[in-house]
Amino acid sequence: MTDSATGRAAFHAELTQGFALANADFVTQRIAVGGDLSANFELARRQLAELSEAGITHIIDLRAEWTDESLVRRWEPGIRYLYHPVDDDGAVIPGRWFDGVVEWARQALADPEAKLLVHCHMGVNRAPSVVLAILLDAGMGVRPALEAIRTARPVAAIDYAGSVLAWWSARLGHDARTRRNARRVLQRWRAARNLDVEAVIRTIRNTQQPRNRWTLRLSVGQRLALADLIDRSPEVAAGLVVGGPRSELAQLDEVLLLTAEGLCGRALVVGPVEPGEAMLPVKVTELFEPIPVLVPERLAGWLAGDGPVLRLLHGGDYAQLVHADPQTLALGA
């Protein structure tokens, strides 16, 4: 290895060595690329703290499917946040979409102390493609920019690089020959640095933790109050009293709502229980009159009032609660 190559490797190691928790990698000293925060709230808080400690001052979130803006605003209010969503469906991304995100990044990086994180869900296609656009806008060549991204983040497929080049060439008024040359550089780079994207995505998915399932004990009065809230504001998240934070809670965990009369609804967790608070933010997806179900023996005492109202479901408890035939089973039978 040459001295210059050794220096680049050492420089890259210095850039990336700090992220023990966050799903991100520095491409340059001031631009990082990655995936989203963990669905687990406790880990997400620690990841965000790590990003802040590494100097991240601005975040661009590209996911059409979700946003962590409220968490960032709550936990790291000093970080500026741009939600600029796009679907990861393989379609061509129009140039005007890149105009807005690149301009925001340019203004952010005008501050010499600023550091930017661009992320999507997995950090495979959307975020690396936007980082490519930012690097081209800053004057880096096509191949050096592609190499910088892949070196920093080996799982980066940069699937929307073609859309980036079309935007970049149109923006700079490239002639037909220059456009062809840019596309040829991309084609040759992909041929030389081929990546099995399906294998990458399978590997990432295999490392992701499955969502937890919970059950929440409600009184009759609480169920009626919840029904009234949903009738008045069906799209608003509801705050359910749970007593305090739970380390296992994660974004979009499912919660079964039970009263002493039976199963009465389902909800999805949409926010954390903050320290010192007792309210769990949920989006109620179903609420109905209680249906008698067969309560697992281990939950009988809990449903009668023993222990915290929010309980993590294990093993076959969930299946028993949701698959029992309400016509033939009596509560607790």
Protein backbone atom coordinates (compact mmCIF):
# COMPACT_ATOMS: atom_id res chain seq x y z
CA MET A 1 0.00 0.00 0.00
CA THR A 2 1.34 3.44 -0.92
CA ASP A 3 1.86 6.16 1.65
CA SER A 4 -1.09 8.09 0.20
CA ALA A 5 -3.33 5.00 0.34
CA THR A 6 -2.21 4.33 3.90
CA GLY A 7 -2.99 7.90 4.79
CA ARG A 8 -6.47 7.70 3.25
CA ALA A 9 -7.20 4.45 5.12
CA ALA A 10 -6.06 5.94 8.42
CA PHE A 11 -8.08 9.09 7.74
CA HIS A 12 -11.20 7.02 7.03
CA ALA A 13 -10.66 4.97 10.20
CA GLU A 14 -10.36 8.18 12.19
CA LEU A 15 -13.63 9.45 10.71
CA THR A 16 -15.68 6.33 11.35
CA GLN A 17 -14.27 4.90 14.55
CA GLY A 18 -16.50 6.97 16.81
CA PHE A 19 -19.87 5.45 15.85
CA ALA A 20 -20.37 2.54 18.19
CA LEU A 21 -24.17 2.78 18.16
CA ALA A 22 -25.39 5.06 15.39
CA ASN A 23 -26.05 3.57 11.96
CA ALA A 24 -23.91 6.11 10.12
CA ASP A 25 -20.53 6.63 8.46
CA PHE A 26 -18.61 9.79 7.62
CA VAL A 27 -17.95 10.17 3.90
CA THR A 28 -16.02 13.40 4.43
CA GLN A 29 -15.06 15.18 7.61
CA ARG A 30 -18.40 16.99 7.58
CA ILE A 31 -20.85 14.76 5.70
CA ALA A 32 -22.15 11.45 7.06
CA VAL A 33 -24.51 8.94 5.47
CA GLY A 34 -26.56 6.25 7.14
CA GLY A 35 -29.80 4.57 8.11
CA ASP A 36 -32.43 5.57 10.63
CA LEU A 37 -32.46 5.52 14.39
CA SER A 38 -33.34 2.27 16.12
CA ALA A 39 -37.03 1.61 16.63
CA ASN A 40 -36.18 0.95 20.29
CA PHE A 41 -36.55 4.28 22.04
CA GLU A 42 -33.81 3.75 24.60
CA LEU A 43 -31.24 2.83 21.93
CA ALA A 44 -32.45 5.61 19.62
CA ARG A 45 -31.83 8.19 22.34
CA ARG A 46 -28.28 6.91 22.82
CA GLN A 47 -27.64 6.85 19.07
CA LEU A 48 -28.80 10.43 18.72
CA ALA A 49 -26.60 11.50 21.63
CA GLU A 50 -23.64 9.83 19.91
CA LEU A 51 -24.35 11.67 16.67
CA SER A 52 -24.53 14.96 18.53
CA GLU A 53 -21.28 14.24 20.35
CA ALA A 54 -19.64 13.54 16.96
CA GLY A 55 -20.59 17.06 15.91
CA ILE A 56 -23.68 16.41 13.79
CA THR A 57 -25.60 19.69 13.62
CA HIS A 58 -27.96 19.00 10.71
CA ILE A 59 -29.98 15.93 9.70
CA ILE A 60 -31.70 15.23 6.38
CA ASP A 61 -34.33 12.47 6.64
CA LEU A 62 -35.39 11.03 3.27
CA ARG A 63 -37.90 8.37 4.37
CA ALA A 64 -41.41 8.64 3.00
CA GLU A 65 -42.49 5.96 5.46
CA TRP A 66 -41.60 7.66 8.77
CA THR A 67 -39.88 10.60 10.40
CA ASP A 68 -38.00 10.98 13.67
CA GLU A 69 -38.30 14.76 13.69
CA SER A 70 -40.30 14.85 16.93
CA LEU A 71 -37.72 12.68 18.72
CA VAL A 72 -34.82 14.80 17.49
CA ARG A 73 -36.62 18.00 18.48
CA ARG A 74 -37.26 16.54 21.95
CA TRP A 75 -33.90 14.90 22.65
CA GLU A 76 -31.42 17.07 20.68
CA PRO A 77 -33.19 20.39 20.03
CA GLY A 78 -29.96 21.99 18.78
CA ILE A 79 -29.89 19.79 15.68
CA ARG A 80 -31.54 21.25 12.56
CA TYR A 81 -33.80 18.77 10.76
CA LEU A 82 -35.02 18.58 7.17
CA TYR A 83 -37.71 16.05 6.32
CA HIS A 84 -37.45 15.62 2.53
CA PRO A 85 -39.24 12.35 1.77
CA VAL A 86 -38.99 10.16 -1.31
CA ASP A 87 -40.21 6.63 -1.94
CA ASP A 88 -37.62 3.89 -2.35
CA ASP A 89 -39.44 2.28 -5.27
CA GLY A 90 -36.75 2.30 -7.94
CA ALA A 91 -38.45 5.03 -9.98
CA VAL A 92 -36.58 7.95 -11.53
CA ILE A 93 -36.35 10.84 -9.06
CA PRO A 94 -37.14 14.21 -10.70
CA GLY A 95 -34.44 16.85 -10.74
CA ARG A 96 -36.50 19.42 -8.87
CA TRP A 97 -36.53 17.08 -5.85
CA PHE A 98 -32.72 17.20 -5.70
CA ASP A 99 -32.72 21.00 -6.03
CA GLY A 100 -34.36 21.48 -2.64
CA VAL A 101 -32.32 18.98 -0.64
CA VAL A 102 -28.96 20.03 -2.14
CA GLU A 103 -29.69 23.72 -1.55
CA TRP A 104 -30.53 22.99 2.11
CA ALA A 105 -27.31 21.00 2.50
CA ARG A 106 -25.28 23.76 0.86
CA GLN A 107 -26.68 26.36 3.26
CA ALA A 108 -26.07 24.07 6.24
CA LEU A 109 -22.45 23.43 5.29
CA ALA A 110 -21.80 27.13 4.73
CA ASP A 111 -21.17 27.17 8.47
CA PRO A 112 -17.63 25.76 8.82
CA GLU A 113 -18.57 24.19 12.16
CA ALA A 114 -21.58 22.33 10.76
CA LYS A 115 -21.69 18.58 10.16
CA LEU A 116 -24.47 16.93 8.19
CA LEU A 117 -26.06 13.47 8.38
CA VAL A 118 -28.12 12.30 5.41
CA HIS A 119 -30.15 9.18 6.16
CA CYS A 120 -32.94 6.98 4.87
CA HIS A 121 -34.14 3.68 6.33
CA MET A 122 -31.19 1.37 5.65
CA GLY A 123 -28.61 3.75 4.20
CA VAL A 124 -28.36 1.69 1.00
CA ASN A 125 -29.96 3.71 -1.81
CA ARG A 126 -31.70 7.00 -1.05
CA ALA A 127 -29.26 8.59 1.39
CA PRO A 128 -26.08 7.59 -0.51
CA SER A 129 -27.65 8.97 -3.70
CA VAL A 130 -28.33 12.34 -2.07
CA VAL A 131 -24.79 12.43 -0.68
CA LEU A 132 -23.58 11.84 -4.25
CA ALA A 133 -25.60 14.88 -5.35
CA ILE A 134 -24.13 16.97 -2.52
CA LEU A 135 -20.57 15.94 -3.40
CA LEU A 136 -21.08 16.68 -7.11
CA ASP A 137 -22.55 20.06 -6.19
CA ALA A 138 -19.41 20.73 -4.12
CA GLY A 139 -17.20 20.05 -7.16
CA MET A 140 -16.12 16.45 -6.65
CA GLY A 141 -15.88 14.23 -9.74
CA VAL A 142 -18.32 11.40 -10.40
CA ARG A 143 -15.99 8.47 -9.77
CA PRO A 144 -14.22 9.99 -6.73
CA ALA A 145 -17.63 10.74 -5.20
CA LEU A 146 -18.89 7.20 -5.81
CA GLU A 147 -15.68 5.76 -4.37
CA ALA A 148 -15.84 7.99 -1.30
CA ILE A 149 -19.38 6.86 -0.53
CA ARG A 150 -18.74 3.15 -1.09
CA THR A 151 -15.47 3.25 0.88
CA ALA A 152 -17.19 4.91 3.81
CA ARG A 153 -20.29 2.74 3.63
CA PRO A 154 -19.73 -0.62 1.92
CA VAL A 155 -23.49 -1.37 1.83
CA ALA A 156 -24.19 1.76 -0.25
CA ALA A 157 -25.66 0.67 -3.59
CA ILE A 158 -26.47 4.27 -4.66
CA ASP A 159 -29.30 2.96 -6.83
CA TYR A 160 -30.52 6.46 -7.74
CA ALA A 161 -27.13 7.62 -9.04
CA GLY A 162 -28.59 7.76 -12.55
CA SER A 163 -31.22 10.26 -11.38
CA VAL A 164 -28.48 12.25 -9.67
CA LEU A 165 -26.39 12.44 -12.86
CA ALA A 166 -29.42 13.53 -14.90
CA TRP A 167 -30.13 16.31 -12.38
CA TRP A 168 -26.47 17.35 -12.20
CA SER A 169 -26.01 17.45 -15.99
CA ALA A 170 -29.21 19.44 -16.48
CA ARG A 171 -28.25 21.86 -13.74
CA LEU A 172 -24.82 22.52 -15.26
CA GLY A 173 -26.06 22.49 -18.86
CA HIS A 174 -23.86 19.61 -19.97
CA ASP A 175 -23.82 18.78 -23.65
CA ALA A 176 -24.76 15.30 -24.91
CA ARG A 177 -21.16 14.08 -24.94
CA THR A 178 -20.52 15.12 -21.34
CA ARG A 179 -23.75 13.44 -20.25
CA ARG A 180 -22.76 10.21 -22.00
CA ASN A 181 -19.32 10.29 -20.40
CA ALA A 182 -20.83 10.71 -16.92
CA ARG A 183 -23.20 7.78 -17.47
CA ARG A 184 -20.29 5.69 -18.77
CA VAL A 185 -18.28 6.43 -15.62
CA LEU A 186 -21.23 5.25 -13.52
CA GLN A 187 -21.69 2.08 -15.59
CA ARG A 188 -18.01 1.17 -15.39
CA TRP A 189 -17.89 1.86 -11.68
CA ARG A 190 -20.91 -0.36 -11.07
CA ALA A 191 -19.39 -3.13 -13.15
CA ALA A 192 -16.13 -2.92 -11.21
CA ARG A 193 -17.73 -2.49 -7.80
CA ASN A 194 -20.73 -4.78 -8.18
CA LEU A 195 -22.86 -5.16 -5.06
CA ASP A 196 -25.51 -7.81 -4.39
CA VAL A 197 -28.16 -5.40 -3.15
CA GLU A 198 -30.70 -8.12 -2.32
CA ALA A 199 -28.13 -9.89 -0.13
CA VAL A 200 -27.26 -6.60 1.59
CA ILE A 201 -30.91 -5.87 2.36
CA ARG A 202 -31.51 -9.42 3.62
CA THR A 203 -28.50 -9.12 5.91
CA ILE A 204 -29.67 -5.79 7.30
CA ARG A 205 -33.19 -7.08 7.87
CA ASN A 206 -31.84 -10.13 9.66
CA THR A 207 -30.12 -7.86 12.18
CA GLN A 208 -33.25 -5.84 12.91
CA GLN A 209 -35.16 -6.72 16.03
CA PRO A 210 -38.78 -7.84 15.59
CA ARG A 211 -41.43 -5.57 17.05
CA ASN A 212 -42.59 -6.31 20.59
CA ARG A 213 -46.20 -6.98 21.48
CA TRP A 214 -47.79 -5.63 24.64
CA THR A 215 -51.10 -5.66 26.42
CA LEU A 216 -52.53 -2.71 28.32
CA ARG A 217 -55.12 -3.04 31.06
CA LEU A 218 -57.92 -0.47 30.87
CA SER A 219 -60.76 0.27 33.25
CA VAL A 220 -64.26 0.63 31.83
CA GLY A 221 -64.01 4.38 32.36
CA GLN A 222 -60.70 4.59 30.53
CA ARG A 223 -62.10 2.64 27.57
CA LEU A 224 -65.10 4.96 27.33
CA ALA A 225 -62.88 8.05 27.57
CA LEU A 226 -60.62 6.65 24.86
CA ALA A 227 -63.63 5.94 22.64
CA ASP A 228 -64.82 9.51 23.10
CA LEU A 229 -61.37 10.87 22.16
CA ILE A 230 -61.21 8.71 19.03
CA ASP A 231 -64.70 9.79 17.99
CA ARG A 232 -63.74 13.46 18.29
CA SER A 233 -60.19 13.25 16.89
CA PRO A 234 -59.59 9.92 15.10
CA GLU A 235 -56.20 10.96 13.66
CA VAL A 236 -54.73 12.26 16.91
CA ALA A 237 -52.32 10.15 18.96
CA ALA A 238 -53.70 9.23 22.35
CA GLY A 239 -51.74 9.26 25.58
CA LEU A 240 -52.33 6.15 27.68
CA VAL A 241 -51.27 6.07 31.31
CA VAL A 242 -48.68 3.28 31.75
CA GLY A 243 -46.82 4.31 34.90
CA GLY A 244 -43.34 4.97 33.50
CA PRO A 245 -40.75 4.16 30.80
CA ARG A 246 -40.00 0.60 29.69
CA SER A 247 -36.63 -0.19 28.11
CA GLU A 248 -38.16 -2.67 25.64
CA LEU A 249 -40.60 -0.17 24.09
CA ALA A 250 -40.07 0.54 20.40
CA GLN A 251 -41.65 2.55 17.63
CA LEU A 252 -44.72 0.79 16.15
CA ASP A 253 -44.87 -1.93 18.81
CA GLU A 254 -48.38 -3.39 18.90
CA VAL A 255 -50.51 -2.98 22.03
CA LEU A 256 -53.62 -5.07 22.73
CA LEU A 257 -56.18 -3.18 24.82
CA LEU A 258 -57.96 -5.30 27.45
CA THR A 259 -60.57 -4.68 30.08
CA ALA A 260 -61.92 -7.18 32.60
CA GLU A 261 -64.65 -7.87 30.03
CA GLY A 262 -62.25 -8.82 27.24
CA LEU A 263 -60.26 -7.59 24.26
CA CYS A 264 -61.41 -4.12 23.19
CA GLY A 265 -58.86 -2.78 20.75
CA ARG A 266 -55.38 -2.46 19.31
CA ALA A 267 -52.90 0.39 19.11
CA LEU A 268 -49.43 1.14 17.77
CA VAL A 269 -46.75 2.86 19.84
CA VAL A 270 -45.77 6.17 18.20
CA GLY A 271 -43.58 7.75 20.86
CA PRO A 272 -41.59 7.10 24.02
CA VAL A 273 -42.60 7.43 27.64
CA GLU A 274 -40.28 10.18 28.80
CA PRO A 275 -38.51 9.90 32.18
CA GLY A 276 -40.67 11.40 34.88
CA GLU A 277 -43.81 10.99 32.76
CA ALA A 278 -46.44 8.25 32.70
CA MET A 279 -48.08 8.67 29.28
CA LEU A 280 -47.44 6.35 26.32
CA PRO A 281 -48.29 7.97 22.94
CA VAL A 282 -50.19 5.51 20.74
CA LYS A 283 -52.22 5.54 17.53
CA VAL A 284 -55.37 3.51 18.15
CA THR A 285 -56.01 1.35 15.08
CA GLU A 286 -59.10 -0.47 16.38
CA LEU A 287 -61.48 0.14 19.26
CA PHE A 288 -64.59 -1.96 19.78
CA GLU A 289 -66.91 -3.37 22.42
CA PRO A 290 -65.07 -5.89 24.63
CA ILE A 291 -64.88 -9.41 23.17
CA PRO A 292 -64.50 -12.28 25.67
CA VAL A 293 -61.20 -14.10 25.16
CA LEU A 294 -59.32 -16.92 26.79
CA VAL A 295 -56.85 -15.18 29.10
CA PRO A 296 -53.54 -17.06 29.55
CA GLU A 297 -53.09 -18.24 33.13
CA ARG A 298 -50.00 -16.09 33.62
CA LEU A 299 -52.07 -12.97 32.77
CA ALA A 300 -55.06 -13.72 34.98
CA GLY A 301 -53.67 -11.99 38.06
CA TRP A 302 -52.43 -9.07 35.99
CA LEU A 303 -55.86 -8.54 34.41
CA ALA A 304 -57.38 -8.61 37.90
CA GLY A 305 -55.20 -5.65 38.85
CA ASP A 306 -51.79 -7.02 39.86
CA GLY A 307 -48.72 -5.19 38.57
CA PRO A 308 -48.18 -2.36 36.06
CA VAL A 309 -50.96 -1.79 33.53
CA LEU A 310 -48.58 -2.28 30.57
CA ARG A 311 -47.24 -5.80 30.16
CA LEU A 312 -44.92 -7.34 27.58
CA LEU A 313 -46.44 -10.40 25.90
CA HIS A 314 -44.37 -13.56 25.59
CA GLY A 315 -44.63 -16.82 23.69
CA GLY A 316 -48.10 -17.83 22.68
CA ASP A 317 -49.93 -15.31 24.86
CA TYR A 318 -50.55 -12.97 21.92
CA ALA A 319 -51.91 -15.73 19.69
CA GLN A 320 -54.16 -16.97 22.47
CA LEU A 321 -55.61 -13.51 23.03
CA VAL A 322 -56.30 -12.66 19.38
CA HIS A 323 -57.16 -16.06 17.90
CA ALA A 324 -59.57 -17.39 20.49
CA ASP A 325 -63.15 -17.90 19.31
CA PRO A 326 -65.20 -15.36 21.28
CA GLN A 327 -68.38 -17.37 20.67
CA THR A 328 -67.14 -20.38 22.60
CA LEU A 329 -64.73 -19.01 25.16
CA ALA A 330 -65.51 -17.20 28.37
CA LEU A 331 -63.05 -14.80 29.93
CA GLY A 332 -60.64 -16.74 32.11
CA ALA A 333 -62.22 -20.12 31.34
